[in-house]
C-alpha cells in the first residue's frame, strides 16, 4: 500500500459520517482488539511516526 491518504483526510471522513472523538477512539479499540497487526499496518500506511503509533495503540489496549 502507498500512503495516499493523510490522517487529516481520514479524520474528515469519519467526521463526515458523524463520528466524534469518542467514537473514533472506540473504533481504534475495536481494531486493536480484533486485529492488532492490521491496526499497526493501517497506522503505518497513514504515515504516522512510530512514537504516535505507540501512543494510539497504548490508548487502544
PDB file of N, CA and C in Angstrom:
ATOM      1  N   UNK A   1       0.838  -1.184   0.000  1.00  0.00           N
ATOM      2  CA  UNK A   1       0.000   0.000   0.000  1.00  0.00           C
ATOM      3  C   UNK A   1       0.878   1.240   0.000  1.00  0.00           C
ATOM      4  N   UNK A   2       0.436   2.233  -0.699  1.00  0.00           N
ATOM      5  CA  UNK A   2       1.152   3.506  -0.639  1.00  0.00           C
ATOM      6  C   UNK A   2       0.335   4.486   0.198  1.00  0.00           C
ATOM      7  N   UNK A   3       1.028   5.421   0.823  1.00  0.00           N
ATOM      8  CA  UNK A   3       0.360   6.398   1.691  1.00  0.00           C
ATOM      9  C   UNK A   3      -0.253   7.501   0.831  1.00  0.00           C
ATOM     10  N   UNK A   4      -1.488   7.308   0.435  1.00  0.00           N
ATOM     11  CA  UNK A   4      -2.147   8.297  -0.421  1.00  0.00           C
ATOM     12  C   UNK A   4      -3.255   9.041   0.311  1.00  0.00           C
ATOM     13  N   UNK A   5      -3.476   8.695   1.567  1.00  0.00           N
ATOM     14  CA  UNK A   5      -4.498   9.347   2.380  1.00  0.00           C
ATOM     15  C   UNK A   5      -3.826   9.860   3.638  1.00  0.00           C
ATOM     16  N   UNK A   6      -4.059  11.116   3.965  1.00  0.00           N
ATOM     17  CA  UNK A   6      -3.469  11.661   5.184  1.00  0.00           C
ATOM     18  C   UNK A   6      -4.380  11.383   6.379  1.00  0.00           C
ATOM     19  N   UNK A   7      -3.816  11.510   7.555  1.00  0.00           N
ATOM     20  CA  UNK A   7      -4.603  11.354   8.779  1.00  0.00           C
ATOM     21  C   UNK A   7      -5.745  12.366   8.777  1.00  0.00           C
ATOM     22  N   UNK A   8      -5.454  13.580   8.373  1.00  0.00           N
ATOM     23  CA  UNK A   8      -6.477  14.626   8.364  1.00  0.00           C
ATOM     24  C   UNK A   8      -7.631  14.265   7.427  1.00  0.00           C
ATOM     25  N   UNK A   9      -7.315  13.691   6.283  1.00  0.00           N
ATOM     26  CA  UNK A   9      -8.372  13.267   5.355  1.00  0.00           C
ATOM     27  C   UNK A   9      -9.202  12.137   5.956  1.00  0.00           C
ATOM     28  N   UNK A  10      -8.531  11.204   6.599  1.00  0.00           N
ATOM     29  CA  UNK A  10      -9.234  10.073   7.214  1.00  0.00           C
ATOM     30  C   UNK A  10     -10.174  10.569   8.315  1.00  0.00           C
ATOM     31  N   UNK A  11      -9.678  11.459   9.174  1.00  0.00           N
ATOM     32  CA  UNK A  11     -10.495  12.019  10.251  1.00  0.00           C
ATOM     33  C   UNK A  11     -11.677  12.798   9.671  1.00  0.00           C
ATOM     34  N   UNK A  12     -11.446  13.537   8.616  1.00  0.00           N
ATOM     35  CA  UNK A  12     -12.531  14.293   7.980  1.00  0.00           C
ATOM     36  C   UNK A  12     -13.625  13.352   7.481  1.00  0.00           C
ATOM     37  N   UNK A  13     -13.239  12.200   6.961  1.00  0.00           N
ATOM     38  CA  UNK A  13     -14.235  11.215   6.502  1.00  0.00           C
ATOM     39  C   UNK A  13     -15.025  10.665   7.679  1.00  0.00           C
ATOM     40  N   UNK A  14     -14.324  10.354   8.772  1.00  0.00           N
ATOM     41  CA  UNK A  14     -15.025   9.880   9.964  1.00  0.00           C
ATOM     42  C   UNK A  14     -16.005  10.935  10.467  1.00  0.00           C
ATOM     43  N   UNK A  15     -15.574  12.177  10.504  1.00  0.00           N
ATOM     44  CA  UNK A  15     -16.455  13.259  10.971  1.00  0.00           C
ATOM     45  C   UNK A  15     -17.653  13.428  10.037  1.00  0.00           C
ATOM     46  N   UNK A  16     -17.422  13.264   8.744  1.00  0.00           N
ATOM     47  CA  UNK A  16     -18.496  13.419   7.762  1.00  0.00           C
ATOM     48  C   UNK A  16     -19.606  12.388   7.957  1.00  0.00           C
ATOM     49  N   UNK A  17     -19.271  11.231   8.511  1.00  0.00           N
ATOM     50  CA  UNK A  17     -20.305  10.227   8.767  1.00  0.00           C
ATOM     51  C   UNK A  17     -20.792  10.269  10.213  1.00  0.00           C
ATOM     52  N   UNK A  18     -20.381  11.303  10.938  1.00  0.00           N
ATOM     53  CA  UNK A  18     -20.932  11.544  12.262  1.00  0.00           C
ATOM     54  C   UNK A  18     -20.135  11.026  13.441  1.00  0.00           C
ATOM     55  N   UNK A  19     -18.918  10.543  13.214  1.00  0.00           N
ATOM     56  CA  UNK A  19     -18.122  10.063  14.333  1.00  0.00           C
ATOM     57  C   UNK A  19     -17.483  11.236  15.070  1.00  0.00           C
ATOM     58  N   UNK A  20     -17.593  11.197  16.395  1.00  0.00           N
ATOM     59  CA  UNK A  20     -16.914  12.188  17.223  1.00  0.00           C
ATOM     60  C   UNK A  20     -15.641  11.542  17.784  1.00  0.00           C
ATOM     61  N   UNK A  21     -14.924  12.271  18.635  1.00  0.00           N
ATOM     62  CA  UNK A  21     -13.668  11.752  19.166  1.00  0.00           C
ATOM     63  C   UNK A  21     -13.875  10.434  19.908  1.00  0.00           C
ATOM     64  N   UNK A  22     -14.936  10.336  20.706  1.00  0.00           N
ATOM     65  CA  UNK A  22     -15.199   9.115  21.467  1.00  0.00           C
ATOM     66  C   UNK A  22     -15.443   7.931  20.534  1.00  0.00           C
ATOM     67  N   UNK A  23     -16.183   8.144  19.465  1.00  0.00           N
ATOM     68  CA  UNK A  23     -16.463   7.067  18.512  1.00  0.00           C
ATOM     69  C   UNK A  23     -15.192   6.639  17.785  1.00  0.00           C
ATOM     70  N   UNK A  24     -14.343   7.603  17.447  1.00  0.00           N
ATOM     71  CA  UNK A  24     -13.087   7.253  16.781  1.00  0.00           C
ATOM     72  C   UNK A  24     -12.169   6.471  17.721  1.00  0.00           C
ATOM     73  N   UNK A  25     -12.168   6.836  19.003  1.00  0.00           N
ATOM     74  CA  UNK A  25     -11.376   6.087  19.971  1.00  0.00           C
ATOM     75  C   UNK A  25     -11.904   4.661  20.097  1.00  0.00           C
ATOM     76  N   UNK A  26     -13.218   4.498  20.094  1.00  0.00           N
ATOM     77  CA  UNK A  26     -13.816   3.162  20.153  1.00  0.00           C
ATOM     78  C   UNK A  26     -13.451   2.359  18.907  1.00  0.00           C
ATOM     79  N   UNK A  27     -13.440   3.014  17.750  1.00  0.00           N
ATOM     80  CA  UNK A  27     -13.039   2.354  16.509  1.00  0.00           C
ATOM     81  C   UNK A  27     -11.623   1.800  16.634  1.00  0.00           C
ATOM     82  N   UNK A  28     -10.714   2.627  17.179  1.00  0.00           N
ATOM     83  CA  UNK A  28      -9.332   2.177  17.376  1.00  0.00           C
ATOM     84  C   UNK A  28      -9.274   1.006  18.352  1.00  0.00           C
ATOM     85  N   UNK A  29     -10.047   1.062  19.451  1.00  0.00           N
ATOM     86  CA  UNK A  29     -10.048  -0.038  20.420  1.00  0.00           C
ATOM     87  C   UNK A  29     -10.515  -1.338  19.773  1.00  0.00           C
ATOM     88  N   UNK A  30     -11.577  -1.255  18.987  1.00  0.00           N
ATOM     89  CA  UNK A  30     -12.096  -2.431  18.297  1.00  0.00           C
ATOM     90  C   UNK A  30     -11.063  -2.985  17.321  1.00  0.00           C
ATOM     91  N   UNK A  31     -10.465  -2.115  16.539  1.00  0.00           N
ATOM     92  CA  UNK A  31      -9.449  -2.526  15.567  1.00  0.00           C
ATOM     93  C   UNK A  31      -8.286  -3.208  16.293  1.00  0.00           C
ATOM     94  N   UNK A  32      -7.814  -2.595  17.368  1.00  0.00           N
ATOM     95  CA  UNK A  32      -6.679  -3.140  18.128  1.00  0.00           C
ATOM     96  C   UNK A  32      -7.030  -4.504  18.719  1.00  0.00           C
ATOM     97  N   UNK A  33      -8.222  -4.630  19.264  1.00  0.00           N
ATOM     98  CA  UNK A  33      -8.641  -5.884  19.886  1.00  0.00           C
ATOM     99  C   UNK A  33      -8.805  -7.004  18.856  1.00  0.00           C
ATOM    100  N   UNK A  34      -9.418  -6.686  17.712  1.00  0.00           N
ATOM    101  CA  UNK A  34      -9.730  -7.716  16.729  1.00  0.00           C
ATOM    102  C   UNK A  34      -8.592  -8.028  15.759  1.00  0.00           C
ATOM    103  N   UNK A  35      -7.714  -7.046  15.514  1.00  0.00           N
ATOM    104  CA  UNK A  35      -6.648  -7.257  14.532  1.00  0.00           C
ATOM    105  C   UNK A  35      -5.471  -6.333  14.837  1.00  0.00           C
ATOM    106  N   UNK A  36      -4.712  -6.638  15.890  1.00  0.00           N
ATOM    107  CA  UNK A  36      -3.607  -5.753  16.268  1.00  0.00           C
ATOM    108  C   UNK A  36      -2.580  -5.533  15.160  1.00  0.00           C
ATOM    109  N   UNK A  37      -2.259  -6.584  14.422  1.00  0.00           N
ATOM    110  CA  UNK A  37      -1.281  -6.431  13.339  1.00  0.00           C
ATOM    111  C   UNK A  37      -1.843  -5.551  12.225  1.00  0.00           C
ATOM    112  N   UNK A  38      -3.115  -5.711  11.927  1.00  0.00           N
ATOM    113  CA  UNK A  38      -3.756  -4.884  10.916  1.00  0.00           C
ATOM    114  C   UNK A  38      -3.841  -3.431  11.349  1.00  0.00           C
ATOM    115  N   UNK A  39      -4.094  -3.208  12.637  1.00  0.00           N
ATOM    116  CA  UNK A  39      -4.145  -1.852  13.170  1.00  0.00           C
ATOM    117  C   UNK A  39      -2.784  -1.187  13.011  1.00  0.00           C
ATOM    118  N   UNK A  40      -1.729  -1.922  13.381  1.00  0.00           N
ATOM    119  CA  UNK A  40      -0.362  -1.409  13.217  1.00  0.00           C
ATOM    120  C   UNK A  40      -0.104  -1.058  11.760  1.00  0.00           C
ATOM    121  N   UNK A  41      -0.447  -1.967  10.878  1.00  0.00           N
ATOM    122  CA  UNK A  41      -0.223  -1.762   9.451  1.00  0.00           C
ATOM    123  C   UNK A  41      -0.977  -0.543   8.931  1.00  0.00           C
ATOM    124  N   UNK A  42      -2.220  -0.391   9.358  1.00  0.00           N
ATOM    125  CA  UNK A  42      -3.037   0.748   8.935  1.00  0.00           C
ATOM    126  C   UNK A  42      -2.411   2.062   9.390  1.00  0.00           C
ATOM    127  N   UNK A  43      -1.988   2.127  10.638  1.00  0.00           N
ATOM    128  CA  UNK A  43      -1.389   3.356  11.161  1.00  0.00           C
ATOM    129  C   UNK A  43      -0.087   3.684  10.428  1.00  0.00           C
ATOM    130  N   UNK A  44       0.687   2.658  10.105  1.00  0.00           N
ATOM    131  CA  UNK A  44       1.908   2.872   9.314  1.00  0.00           C
ATOM    132  C   UNK A  44       1.554   3.374   7.921  1.00  0.00           C
ATOM    133  N   UNK A  45       0.510   2.803   7.318  1.00  0.00           N
ATOM    134  CA  UNK A  45       0.067   3.200   5.984  1.00  0.00           C
ATOM    135  C   UNK A  45      -0.302   4.681   5.948  1.00  0.00           C
ATOM    136  N   UNK A  46      -0.870   5.156   7.067  1.00  0.00           N
ATOM    137  CA  UNK A  46      -1.206   6.578   7.151  1.00  0.00           C
ATOM    138  C   UNK A  46       0.031   7.460   7.270  1.00  0.00           C
ATOM    139  N   UNK A  47       1.182   6.847   7.471  1.00  0.00           N
ATOM    140  CA  UNK A  47       2.423   7.614   7.553  1.00  0.00           C
ATOM    141  C   UNK A  47       2.711   8.185   8.926  1.00  0.00           C
ATOM    142  N   UNK A  48       2.068   7.640   9.949  1.00  0.00           N
ATOM    143  CA  UNK A  48       2.304   8.143  11.298  1.00  0.00           C
ATOM    144  C   UNK A  48       3.683   7.724  11.794  1.00  0.00           C
ATOM    145  N   UNK A  49       4.331   8.590  12.568  1.00  0.00           N
ATOM    146  CA  UNK A  49       5.622   8.210  13.141  1.00  0.00           C
ATOM    147  C   UNK A  49       5.426   7.133  14.207  1.00  0.00           C
ATOM    148  N   UNK A  50       6.466   6.355  14.438  1.00  0.00           N
ATOM    149  CA  UNK A  50       6.402   5.234  15.381  1.00  0.00           C
ATOM    150  C   UNK A  50       5.937   5.666  16.771  1.00  0.00           C
ATOM    151  N   UNK A  51       6.376   6.831  17.218  1.00  0.00           N
ATOM    152  CA  UNK A  51       6.003   7.302  18.552  1.00  0.00           C
ATOM    153  C   UNK A  51       4.492   7.519  18.649  1.00  0.00           C
ATOM    154  N   UNK A  52       3.911   8.106  17.627  1.00  0.00           N
ATOM    155  CA  UNK A  52       2.465   8.363  17.636  1.00  0.00           C
ATOM    156  C   UNK A  52       1.687   7.052  17.538  1.00  0.00           C
ATOM    157  N   UNK A  53       2.181   6.125  16.747  1.00  0.00           N
ATOM    158  CA  UNK A  53       1.541   4.813  16.649  1.00  0.00           C
ATOM    159  C   UNK A  53       1.539   4.140  18.016  1.00  0.00           C
ATOM    160  N   UNK A  54       2.647   4.204  18.715  1.00  0.00           N
ATOM    161  CA  UNK A  54       2.726   3.602  20.045  1.00  0.00           C
ATOM    162  C   UNK A  54       1.713   4.197  20.998  1.00  0.00           C
ATOM    163  N   UNK A  55       1.544   5.504  20.958  1.00  0.00           N
ATOM    164  CA  UNK A  55       0.579   6.178  21.825  1.00  0.00           C
ATOM    165  C   UNK A  55      -0.853   5.747  21.474  1.00  0.00           C
ATOM    166  N   UNK A  56      -1.180   5.740  20.203  1.00  0.00           N
ATOM    167  CA  UNK A  56      -2.521   5.350  19.771  1.00  0.00           C
ATOM    168  C   UNK A  56      -2.820   3.919  20.184  1.00  0.00           C
ATOM    169  N   UNK A  57      -1.870   3.028  19.950  1.00  0.00           N
ATOM    170  CA  UNK A  57      -2.103   1.616  20.281  1.00  0.00           C
ATOM    171  C   UNK A  57      -2.181   1.402  21.779  1.00  0.00           C
ATOM    172  N   UNK A  58      -1.386   2.134  22.549  1.00  0.00           N
ATOM    173  CA  UNK A  58      -1.448   2.003  24.012  1.00  0.00           C
ATOM    174  C   UNK A  58      -2.805   2.471  24.528  1.00  0.00           C
ATOM    175  N   UNK A  59      -3.317   3.571  23.979  1.00  0.00           N
ATOM    176  CA  UNK A  59      -4.641   4.075  24.381  1.00  0.00           C
ATOM    177  C   UNK A  59      -5.747   3.139  23.940  1.00  0.00           C
ATOM    178  N   UNK A  60      -5.479   2.322  22.930  1.00  0.00           N
ATOM    179  CA  UNK A  60      -6.493   1.441  22.362  1.00  0.00           C
ATOM    180  C   UNK A  60      -6.537   0.074  23.035  1.00  0.00           C
ATOM    181  N   UNK A  61      -5.555  -0.206  23.868  1.00  0.00           N
ATOM    182  CA  UNK A  61      -5.466  -1.535  24.506  1.00  0.00           C
ATOM    183  C   UNK A  61      -6.478  -1.687  25.622  1.00  0.00           C
TER     184      UNK A  61
END
